[in-house]
Structure formats: C-alpha cells, structure tokens
PDB file of N, CA and C in Angstrom:
ATOM      1  N   UNK A   1     111.613 400.578  18.784  1.00  0.00           N
ATOM      2  CA  UNK A   1     111.089 399.058  18.162  1.00  0.00           C
ATOM      3  C   UNK A   1     109.771 399.426  17.233  1.00  0.00           C
ATOM      4  N   UNK A   2     109.866 398.986  16.348  1.00  0.00           N
ATOM      5  CA  UNK A   2     108.709 399.276  15.140  1.00  0.00           C
ATOM      6  C   UNK A   2     107.927 398.646  14.768  1.00  0.00           C
ATOM      7  N   UNK A   3     106.956 399.034  14.499  1.00  0.00           N
ATOM      8  CA  UNK A   3     105.475 398.427  14.465  1.00  0.00           C
ATOM      9  C   UNK A   3     105.400 397.175  13.530  1.00  0.00           C
ATOM     10  N   UNK A   4     104.550 396.349  13.516  1.00  0.00           N
ATOM     11  CA  UNK A   4     104.636 395.273  13.074  1.00  0.00           C
ATOM     12  C   UNK A   4     104.445 395.923  11.336  1.00  0.00           C
ATOM     13  N   UNK A   5     103.532 397.072  11.559  1.00  0.00           N
ATOM     14  CA  UNK A   5     103.239 397.208   9.831  1.00  0.00           C
ATOM     15  C   UNK A   5     104.771 397.519   9.430  1.00  0.00           C
ATOM     16  N   UNK A   6     105.614 398.341  10.028  1.00  0.00           N
ATOM     17  CA  UNK A   6     106.903 398.804   9.750  1.00  0.00           C
ATOM     18  C   UNK A   6     107.908 397.702   9.248  1.00  0.00           C
ATOM     19  N   UNK A   7     107.612 396.782  10.487  1.00  0.00           N
ATOM     20  CA  UNK A   7     108.632 395.238  10.097  1.00  0.00           C
ATOM     21  C   UNK A   7     107.975 394.601   8.643  1.00  0.00           C
ATOM     22  N   UNK A   8     107.026 394.548   8.599  1.00  0.00           N
ATOM     23  CA  UNK A   8     106.304 393.787   7.394  1.00  0.00           C
ATOM     24  C   UNK A   8     106.952 394.784   6.015  1.00  0.00           C
ATOM     25  N   UNK A   9     106.427 395.837   6.325  1.00  0.00           N
ATOM     26  CA  UNK A   9     107.024 397.053   4.945  1.00  0.00           C
ATOM     27  C   UNK A   9     108.489 396.422   4.994  1.00  0.00           C
ATOM     28  N   UNK A  10     109.333 396.685   5.483  1.00  0.00           N
ATOM     29  CA  UNK A  10     110.934 396.510   5.439  1.00  0.00           C
ATOM     30  C   UNK A  10     111.239 395.415   5.309  1.00  0.00           C
ATOM     31  N   UNK A  11     110.339 394.132   5.281  1.00  0.00           N
ATOM     32  CA  UNK A  11     110.928 392.643   4.850  1.00  0.00           C
ATOM     33  C   UNK A  11     110.355 392.755   3.453  1.00  0.00           C
ATOM     34  N   UNK A  12     109.252 393.295   3.124  1.00  0.00           N
ATOM     35  CA  UNK A  12     108.965 393.159   1.719  1.00  0.00           C
ATOM     36  C   UNK A  12     109.530 394.319   0.910  1.00  0.00           C
ATOM     37  N   UNK A  13     110.320 395.219   1.384  1.00  0.00           N
ATOM     38  CA  UNK A  13     110.738 396.236   0.290  1.00  0.00           C
ATOM     39  C   UNK A  13     112.227 395.641   0.105  1.00  0.00           C
ATOM     40  N   UNK A  14     112.904 395.128   1.348  1.00  0.00           N
ATOM     41  CA  UNK A  14     114.081 393.980   1.286  1.00  0.00           C
ATOM     42  C   UNK A  14     113.988 392.820   0.170  1.00  0.00           C
ATOM     43  N   UNK A  15     112.934 392.353   0.573  1.00  0.00           N
ATOM     44  CA  UNK A  15     112.472 391.233  -0.188  1.00  0.00           C
ATOM     45  C   UNK A  15     112.620 391.456  -1.934  1.00  0.00           C
ATOM     46  N   UNK A  16     111.971 392.317  -2.296  1.00  0.00           N
ATOM     47  CA  UNK A  16     111.685 392.749  -3.834  1.00  0.00           C
ATOM     48  C   UNK A  16     112.675 393.441  -4.277  1.00  0.00           C
ATOM     49  N   UNK A  17     113.783 393.529  -3.733  1.00  0.00           N
ATOM     50  CA  UNK A  17     115.307 393.962  -4.320  1.00  0.00           C
ATOM     51  C   UNK A  17     115.960 392.316  -4.697  1.00  0.00           C
ATOM     52  N   UNK A  18     115.439 391.151  -4.076  1.00  0.00           N
ATOM     53  CA  UNK A  18     116.593 390.097  -4.166  1.00  0.00           C
ATOM     54  C   UNK A  18     116.091 389.686  -5.646  1.00  0.00           C
ATOM     55  N   UNK A  19     116.920 389.011  -6.352  1.00  0.00           N
ATOM     56  CA  UNK A  19     116.832 388.604  -7.542  1.00  0.00           C
ATOM     57  C   UNK A  19     115.744 387.365  -7.729  1.00  0.00           C
ATOM     58  N   UNK A  20     115.538 386.575  -6.840  1.00  0.00           N
ATOM     59  CA  UNK A  20     114.874 385.590  -6.863  1.00  0.00           C
ATOM     60  C   UNK A  20     113.688 385.582  -6.067  1.00  0.00           C
ATOM     61  N   UNK A  21     113.248 386.786  -5.316  1.00  0.00           N
ATOM     62  CA  UNK A  21     111.973 387.137  -5.439  1.00  0.00           C
ATOM     63  C   UNK A  21     111.307 386.618  -6.527  1.00  0.00           C
ATOM     64  N   UNK A  22     109.815 386.352  -6.078  1.00  0.00           N
ATOM     65  CA  UNK A  22     108.647 386.175  -7.001  1.00  0.00           C
ATOM     66  C   UNK A  22     107.363 386.317  -6.621  1.00  0.00           C
ATOM     67  N   UNK A  23     107.021 387.392  -7.377  1.00  0.00           N
ATOM     68  CA  UNK A  23     105.429 388.316  -6.472  1.00  0.00           C
ATOM     69  C   UNK A  23     104.477 387.397  -6.974  1.00  0.00           C
ATOM     70  N   UNK A  24     104.275 386.600  -8.100  1.00  0.00           N
ATOM     71  CA  UNK A  24     103.818 385.753  -7.975  1.00  0.00           C
ATOM     72  C   UNK A  24     103.315 384.834  -7.199  1.00  0.00           C
ATOM     73  N   UNK A  25     104.169 384.248  -6.389  1.00  0.00           N
ATOM     74  CA  UNK A  25     104.118 383.279  -5.354  1.00  0.00           C
ATOM     75  C   UNK A  25     103.811 383.781  -4.831  1.00  0.00           C
ATOM     76  N   UNK A  26     104.422 384.908  -4.009  1.00  0.00           N
ATOM     77  CA  UNK A  26     103.496 385.698  -2.653  1.00  0.00           C
ATOM     78  C   UNK A  26     102.102 385.729  -2.972  1.00  0.00           C
ATOM     79  N   UNK A  27     101.731 386.798  -4.465  1.00  0.00           N
ATOM     80  CA  UNK A  27     100.190 386.774  -4.635  1.00  0.00           C
ATOM     81  C   UNK A  27      99.517 385.833  -4.483  1.00  0.00           C
ATOM     82  N   UNK A  28     100.026 384.810  -4.616  1.00  0.00           N
ATOM     83  CA  UNK A  28      99.061 383.431  -4.649  1.00  0.00           C
ATOM     84  C   UNK A  28      98.907 382.760  -3.211  1.00  0.00           C
ATOM     85  N   UNK A  29      99.759 383.080  -2.405  1.00  0.00           N
ATOM     86  CA  UNK A  29     100.155 382.530  -1.129  1.00  0.00           C
ATOM     87  C   UNK A  29      98.354 383.817  -0.483  1.00  0.00           C
ATOM     88  N   UNK A  30      98.801 384.855  -0.664  1.00  0.00           N
ATOM     89  CA  UNK A  30      98.008 385.668  -0.019  1.00  0.00           C
ATOM     90  C   UNK A  30      96.487 385.417  -0.401  1.00  0.00           C
ATOM     91  N   UNK A  31      96.530 385.230  -1.808  1.00  0.00           N
ATOM     92  CA  UNK A  31      95.046 384.935  -2.660  1.00  0.00           C
ATOM     93  C   UNK A  31      94.239 384.022  -1.633  1.00  0.00           C
ATOM     94  N   UNK A  32      95.117 382.742  -1.272  1.00  0.00           N
ATOM     95  CA  UNK A  32      94.490 381.728  -0.895  1.00  0.00           C
ATOM     96  C   UNK A  32      94.114 381.732   0.690  1.00  0.00           C
ATOM     97  N   UNK A  33      94.163 383.146   1.021  1.00  0.00           N
ATOM     98  CA  UNK A  33      93.656 383.205   2.859  1.00  0.00           C
ATOM     99  C   UNK A  33      92.152 383.610   2.723  1.00  0.00           C
ATOM    100  N   UNK A  34      91.382 383.482   4.079  1.00  0.00           N
ATOM    101  CA  UNK A  34      89.941 383.504   4.335  1.00  0.00           C
ATOM    102  C   UNK A  34      89.604 384.751   3.676  1.00  0.00           C
ATOM    103  N   UNK A  35      88.296 385.251   3.588  1.00  0.00           N
ATOM    104  CA  UNK A  35      87.695 386.293   2.999  1.00  0.00           C
ATOM    105  C   UNK A  35      88.218 387.502   3.554  1.00  0.00           C
ATOM    106  N   UNK A  36      87.922 387.294   4.541  1.00  0.00           N
ATOM    107  CA  UNK A  36      87.995 388.120   5.828  1.00  0.00           C
ATOM    108  C   UNK A  36      89.704 389.048   5.745  1.00  0.00           C
ATOM    109  N   UNK A  37      90.550 388.107   5.317  1.00  0.00           N
ATOM    110  CA  UNK A  37      91.609 388.388   5.205  1.00  0.00           C
ATOM    111  C   UNK A  37      91.943 388.998   4.077  1.00  0.00           C
ATOM    112  N   UNK A  38      91.436 388.355   2.990  1.00  0.00           N
ATOM    113  CA  UNK A  38      91.655 388.909   1.742  1.00  0.00           C
ATOM    114  C   UNK A  38      91.308 390.159   1.455  1.00  0.00           C
ATOM    115  N   UNK A  39      89.968 390.698   2.261  1.00  0.00           N
ATOM    116  CA  UNK A  39      89.646 391.996   2.265  1.00  0.00           C
ATOM    117  C   UNK A  39      90.816 392.857   3.047  1.00  0.00           C
ATOM    118  N   UNK A  40      91.080 392.770   3.980  1.00  0.00           N
ATOM    119  CA  UNK A  40      92.226 393.486   4.529  1.00  0.00           C
ATOM    120  C   UNK A  40      93.193 393.600   3.959  1.00  0.00           C
ATOM    121  N   UNK A  41      94.036 392.119   2.932  1.00  0.00           N
ATOM    122  CA  UNK A  41      95.105 392.362   2.201  1.00  0.00           C
ATOM    123  C   UNK A  41      94.640 393.381   0.854  1.00  0.00           C
ATOM    124  N   UNK A  42      93.408 393.622   0.478  1.00  0.00           N
ATOM    125  CA  UNK A  42      93.592 394.616  -0.575  1.00  0.00           C
ATOM    126  C   UNK A  42      93.083 395.929   0.068  1.00  0.00           C
ATOM    127  N   UNK A  43      92.845 396.069   1.057  1.00  0.00           N
ATOM    128  CA  UNK A  43      93.049 397.530   2.101  1.00  0.00           C
ATOM    129  C   UNK A  43      93.888 397.831   1.804  1.00  0.00           C
ATOM    130  N   UNK A  44      95.510 396.854   1.724  1.00  0.00           N
ATOM    131  CA  UNK A  44      96.822 397.220   2.395  1.00  0.00           C
ATOM    132  C   UNK A  44      97.143 397.695   0.822  1.00  0.00           C
ATOM    133  N   UNK A  45      96.677 397.024  -0.177  1.00  0.00           N
ATOM    134  CA  UNK A  45      97.372 397.156  -1.975  1.00  0.00           C
ATOM    135  C   UNK A  45      96.359 398.608  -2.314  1.00  0.00           C
ATOM    136  N   UNK A  46      95.159 398.706  -1.546  1.00  0.00           N
ATOM    137  CA  UNK A  46      94.801 400.174  -1.870  1.00  0.00           C
ATOM    138  C   UNK A  46      95.704 401.460  -1.418  1.00  0.00           C
ATOM    139  N   UNK A  47      95.481 401.122  -0.267  1.00  0.00           N
ATOM    140  CA  UNK A  47      96.552 401.898   0.358  1.00  0.00           C
ATOM    141  C   UNK A  47      97.702 402.420  -0.201  1.00  0.00           C
ATOM    142  N   UNK A  48      98.643 401.199  -0.717  1.00  0.00           N
ATOM    143  CA  UNK A  48      99.793 401.171  -1.591  1.00  0.00           C
ATOM    144  C   UNK A  48      99.654 402.038  -2.552  1.00  0.00           C
ATOM    145  N   UNK A  49      98.819 401.852  -3.428  1.00  0.00           N
ATOM    146  CA  UNK A  49      98.175 402.092  -4.545  1.00  0.00           C
ATOM    147  C   UNK A  49      97.933 403.810  -4.417  1.00  0.00           C
ATOM    148  N   UNK A  50      97.533 404.017  -3.409  1.00  0.00           N
ATOM    149  CA  UNK A  50      96.892 405.593  -3.045  1.00  0.00           C
ATOM    150  C   UNK A  50      98.558 406.398  -2.867  1.00  0.00           C
ATOM    151  N   UNK A  51      99.201 405.418  -1.754  1.00  0.00           N
ATOM    152  CA  UNK A  51     100.224 406.368  -1.096  1.00  0.00           C
ATOM    153  C   UNK A  51     101.497 406.730  -2.448  1.00  0.00           C
ATOM    154  N   UNK A  52     101.562 405.641  -3.333  1.00  0.00           N
ATOM    155  CA  UNK A  52     102.407 405.721  -4.653  1.00  0.00           C
ATOM    156  C   UNK A  52     102.035 406.699  -5.586  1.00  0.00           C
ATOM    157  N   UNK A  53     100.593 406.730  -6.098  1.00  0.00           N
ATOM    158  CA  UNK A  53     100.050 407.771  -6.837  1.00  0.00           C
ATOM    159  C   UNK A  53     100.318 409.028  -6.212  1.00  0.00           C
ATOM    160  N   UNK A  54     100.808 409.264  -5.187  1.00  0.00           N
ATOM    161  CA  UNK A  54     100.482 410.787  -4.654  1.00  0.00           C
ATOM    162  C   UNK A  54     102.228 410.938  -4.807  1.00  0.00           C
ATOM    163  N   UNK A  55     103.139 410.274  -4.706  1.00  0.00           N
ATOM    164  CA  UNK A  55     104.589 410.202  -4.656  1.00  0.00           C
ATOM    165  C   UNK A  55     104.643 410.285  -6.569  1.00  0.00           C
ATOM    166  N   UNK A  56     104.076 410.002  -7.347  1.00  0.00           N
ATOM    167  CA  UNK A  56     103.771 409.911  -8.512  1.00  0.00           C
ATOM    168  C   UNK A  56     103.686 411.576  -8.619  1.00  0.00           C
ATOM    169  N   UNK A  57     102.633 412.042  -8.216  1.00  0.00           N
ATOM    170  CA  UNK A  57     102.349 413.611  -8.633  1.00  0.00           C
ATOM    171  C   UNK A  57     103.659 414.349  -8.205  1.00  0.00           C
ATOM    172  N   UNK A  58     104.097 413.614  -6.992  1.00  0.00           N
ATOM    173  CA  UNK A  58     105.460 414.849  -6.734  1.00  0.00           C
ATOM    174  C   UNK A  58     106.700 414.427  -7.426  1.00  0.00           C
ATOM    175  N   UNK A  59     106.865 413.544  -8.066  1.00  0.00           N
ATOM    176  CA  UNK A  59     108.097 413.299  -8.711  1.00  0.00           C
ATOM    177  C   UNK A  59     107.737 413.488 -10.215  1.00  0.00           C
ATOM    178  N   UNK A  60     106.263 413.368 -10.945  1.00  0.00           N
ATOM    179  CA  UNK A  60     106.316 414.380 -12.080  1.00  0.00           C
ATOM    180  C   UNK A  60     106.534 415.833 -12.171  1.00  0.00           C
ATOM    181  N   UNK A  61     106.347 416.505 -10.947  1.00  0.00           N
ATOM    182  CA  UNK A  61     106.440 417.972 -10.708  1.00  0.00           C
ATOM    183  C   UNK A  61     108.017 418.140 -10.816  1.00  0.00           C
ATOM    184  N   UNK A  62     109.141 417.144 -10.570  1.00  0.00           N
ATOM    185  CA  UNK A  62     110.536 417.189 -10.881  1.00  0.00           C
ATOM    186  C   UNK A  62     111.112 416.801 -11.993  1.00  0.00           C
ATOM    187  N   UNK A  63     110.420 415.855 -12.847  1.00  0.00           N
ATOM    188  CA  UNK A  63     110.543 415.314 -14.059  1.00  0.00           C
ATOM    189  C   UNK A  63     111.083 413.969 -14.244  1.00  0.00           C
ATOM    190  N   UNK A  64     110.648 413.428 -13.037  1.00  0.00           N
ATOM    191  CA  UNK A  64     111.057 411.853 -12.938  1.00  0.00           C
ATOM    192  C   UNK A  64     109.851 411.246 -12.627  1.00  0.00           C
ATOM    193  N   UNK A  65     109.418 410.294 -13.450  1.00  0.00           N
ATOM    194  CA  UNK A  65     108.751 408.831 -12.448  1.00  0.00           C
ATOM    195  C   UNK A  65     108.663 407.713 -13.370  1.00  0.00           C
ATOM    196  N   UNK A  66     108.088 406.548 -13.107  1.00  0.00           N
ATOM    197  CA  UNK A  66     108.805 405.645 -13.402  1.00  0.00           C
ATOM    198  C   UNK A  66     107.425 404.851 -13.576  1.00  0.00           C
ATOM    199  N   UNK A  67     107.174 403.643 -14.547  1.00  0.00           N
ATOM    200  CA  UNK A  67     106.230 402.784 -14.999  1.00  0.00           C
ATOM    201  C   UNK A  67     105.610 402.216 -14.017  1.00  0.00           C
ATOM    202  N   UNK A  68     106.070 401.929 -12.647  1.00  0.00           N
ATOM    203  CA  UNK A  68     104.933 401.817 -11.530  1.00  0.00           C
ATOM    204  C   UNK A  68     104.423 402.862 -10.788  1.00  0.00           C
ATOM    205  N   UNK A  69     104.670 403.591 -10.891  1.00  0.00           N
ATOM    206  CA  UNK A  69     103.910 404.788 -10.475  1.00  0.00           C
ATOM    207  C   UNK A  69     103.009 405.470 -11.513  1.00  0.00           C
ATOM    208  N   UNK A  70     103.533 405.485 -12.654  1.00  0.00           N
ATOM    209  CA  UNK A  70     102.448 405.799 -13.516  1.00  0.00           C
ATOM    210  C   UNK A  70     100.829 404.905 -13.497  1.00  0.00           C
ATOM    211  N   UNK A  71     101.297 403.305 -13.202  1.00  0.00           N
ATOM    212  CA  UNK A  71     100.460 402.298 -13.279  1.00  0.00           C
ATOM    213  C   UNK A  71      99.657 402.798 -11.707  1.00  0.00           C
ATOM    214  N   UNK A  72     100.571 403.095 -10.612  1.00  0.00           N
ATOM    215  CA  UNK A  72      99.421 403.473  -9.557  1.00  0.00           C
ATOM    216  C   UNK A  72      98.778 404.683  -9.907  1.00  0.00           C
ATOM    217  N   UNK A  73      99.397 405.589 -10.455  1.00  0.00           N
ATOM    218  CA  UNK A  73      98.569 406.684 -10.451  1.00  0.00           C
ATOM    219  C   UNK A  73      97.130 406.410 -11.145  1.00  0.00           C
ATOM    220  N   UNK A  74      97.085 405.371 -12.136  1.00  0.00           N
ATOM    221  CA  UNK A  74      95.882 405.061 -12.949  1.00  0.00           C
ATOM    222  C   UNK A  74      95.173 404.608 -12.448  1.00  0.00           C
ATOM    223  N   UNK A  75      95.896 403.551 -12.152  1.00  0.00           N
ATOM    224  CA  UNK A  75      94.927 402.821 -11.025  1.00  0.00           C
ATOM    225  C   UNK A  75      94.069 403.057  -9.327  1.00  0.00           C
ATOM    226  N   UNK A  76      94.608 404.444  -8.839  1.00  0.00           N
ATOM    227  CA  UNK A  76      94.073 404.996  -7.703  1.00  0.00           C
ATOM    228  C   UNK A  76      92.726 405.793  -8.436  1.00  0.00           C
ATOM    229  N   UNK A  77      92.936 406.183  -9.598  1.00  0.00           N
ATOM    230  CA  UNK A  77      91.794 406.808 -10.537  1.00  0.00           C
ATOM    231  C   UNK A  77      90.755 405.774 -10.467  1.00  0.00           C
ATOM    232  N   UNK A  78      91.280 404.711 -10.810  1.00  0.00           N
ATOM    233  CA  UNK A  78      89.794 403.622 -11.124  1.00  0.00           C
ATOM    234  C   UNK A  78      89.134 403.548  -9.488  1.00  0.00           C
ATOM    235  N   UNK A  79      90.341 403.278  -8.759  1.00  0.00           N
ATOM    236  CA  UNK A  79      89.624 403.047  -7.231  1.00  0.00           C
ATOM    237  C   UNK A  79      88.542 403.981  -7.125  1.00  0.00           C
ATOM    238  N   UNK A  80      89.166 405.446  -6.977  1.00  0.00           N
ATOM    239  CA  UNK A  80      88.172 406.551  -6.864  1.00  0.00           C
ATOM    240  C   UNK A  80      86.628 406.338  -7.365  1.00  0.00           C
ATOM    241  N   UNK A  81      86.997 405.948  -8.557  1.00  0.00           N
ATOM    242  CA  UNK A  81      85.562 405.535  -9.288  1.00  0.00           C
ATOM    243  C   UNK A  81      84.600 404.282  -8.937  1.00  0.00           C
ATOM    244  N   UNK A  82      85.270 403.370  -8.646  1.00  0.00           N
ATOM    245  CA  UNK A  82      84.915 401.697  -7.874  1.00  0.00           C
ATOM    246  C   UNK A  82      84.493 402.253  -6.336  1.00  0.00           C
ATOM    247  N   UNK A  83      85.017 403.274  -5.386  1.00  0.00           N
ATOM    248  CA  UNK A  83      84.499 403.227  -4.228  1.00  0.00           C
ATOM    249  C   UNK A  83      83.299 404.292  -4.466  1.00  0.00           C
ATOM    250  N   UNK A  84      83.374 405.126  -5.351  1.00  0.00           N
ATOM    251  CA  UNK A  84      82.173 405.879  -5.609  1.00  0.00           C
ATOM    252  C   UNK A  84      80.930 405.435  -6.142  1.00  0.00           C
ATOM    253  N   UNK A  85      80.633 404.257  -6.993  1.00  0.00           N
ATOM    254  CA  UNK A  85      79.885 403.607  -7.326  1.00  0.00           C
ATOM    255  C   UNK A  85      79.423 402.314  -6.635  1.00  0.00           C
ATOM    256  N   UNK A  86      80.065 402.150  -5.594  1.00  0.00           N
ATOM    257  CA  UNK A  86      79.873 400.784  -4.616  1.00  0.00           C
ATOM    258  C   UNK A  86      79.320 401.163  -3.101  1.00  0.00           C
ATOM    259  N   UNK A  87      78.698 400.159  -2.821  1.00  0.00           N
ATOM    260  CA  UNK A  87      78.551 400.231  -1.426  1.00  0.00           C
ATOM    261  C   UNK A  87      79.781 398.832  -0.662  1.00  0.00           C
ATOM    262  N   UNK A  88      80.392 399.645   0.044  1.00  0.00           N
ATOM    263  CA  UNK A  88      81.742 398.570   0.756  1.00  0.00           C
ATOM    264  C   UNK A  88      81.393 398.469   1.509  1.00  0.00           C
ATOM    265  N   UNK A  89      81.069 397.519   2.173  1.00  0.00           N
ATOM    266  CA  UNK A  89      80.414 397.288   3.955  1.00  0.00           C
ATOM    267  C   UNK A  89      81.687 396.787   4.786  1.00  0.00           C
ATOM    268  N   UNK A  90      82.361 395.473   3.854  1.00  0.00           N
ATOM    269  CA  UNK A  90      83.805 395.042   4.382  1.00  0.00           C
ATOM    270  C   UNK A  90      85.209 395.907   3.851  1.00  0.00           C
ATOM    271  N   UNK A  91      84.840 396.335   2.654  1.00  0.00           N
ATOM    272  CA  UNK A  91      86.733 397.012   2.807  1.00  0.00           C
ATOM    273  C   UNK A  91      86.367 398.400   2.638  1.00  0.00           C
ATOM    274  N   UNK A  92      87.437 399.040   3.667  1.00  0.00           N
ATOM    275  CA  UNK A  92      87.878 400.042   3.408  1.00  0.00           C
ATOM    276  C   UNK A  92      88.940 400.739   2.859  1.00  0.00           C
ATOM    277  N   UNK A  93      88.695 401.602   1.975  1.00  0.00           N
ATOM    278  CA  UNK A  93      89.341 402.178   0.878  1.00  0.00           C
ATOM    279  C   UNK A  93      89.512 403.209   1.010  1.00  0.00           C
ATOM    280  N   UNK A  94      91.076 403.961   0.839  1.00  0.00           N
ATOM    281  CA  UNK A  94      91.497 405.094   1.207  1.00  0.00           C
ATOM    282  C   UNK A  94      90.657 406.643   0.422  1.00  0.00           C
TER     283      UNK A  94
END
C-alpha cells in the first residue's frame, strides 16, 4: 500500500499528462487555502524544486536537460538565498 504522499504524486504526475489539465486552476484552488495550509503547500513546492534541481545536475552531466529542469535549478539557487537571509518560523525549506 502506497503512502498518501506517493498516491498524491502519482495522481499529479498522471494528471499533468492529460491534454485538458489546467495548472492555473490547480494553483488557484491551492492558493485559496488557509495560511497554514499554504505554508505546507509551499514546502512541497520548494521540495519539488530541490529534487528537480538535483535531477538537472545529473541530466546536464549526460548532456540532457529541459526548460523545466533549468528553471528548477535557478529557482533552487534563489530559494537558498531567500532561506539564508530570512528567518522562517512557519516554513521549513529544504
């Protein structure tokens, strides 16, 4: 039996492959949640960026990349700068 996190990940990965999937609708729904939930969602987003940035490093070694991986790599650098210059009480960044 898969964990809740794996089930959500599988659902998301399968959903974005659907031609009719609208990422803006998902983002709007998630942005309307209570503040504590938004902090948790942003933790998930930051972890996705972190993991994709590490994948970008691996793919570059093999001469492959994508715009999404390049964006994740650059966003990860910015998150690191943000984390270093701000005290985050309610947000746990990677």
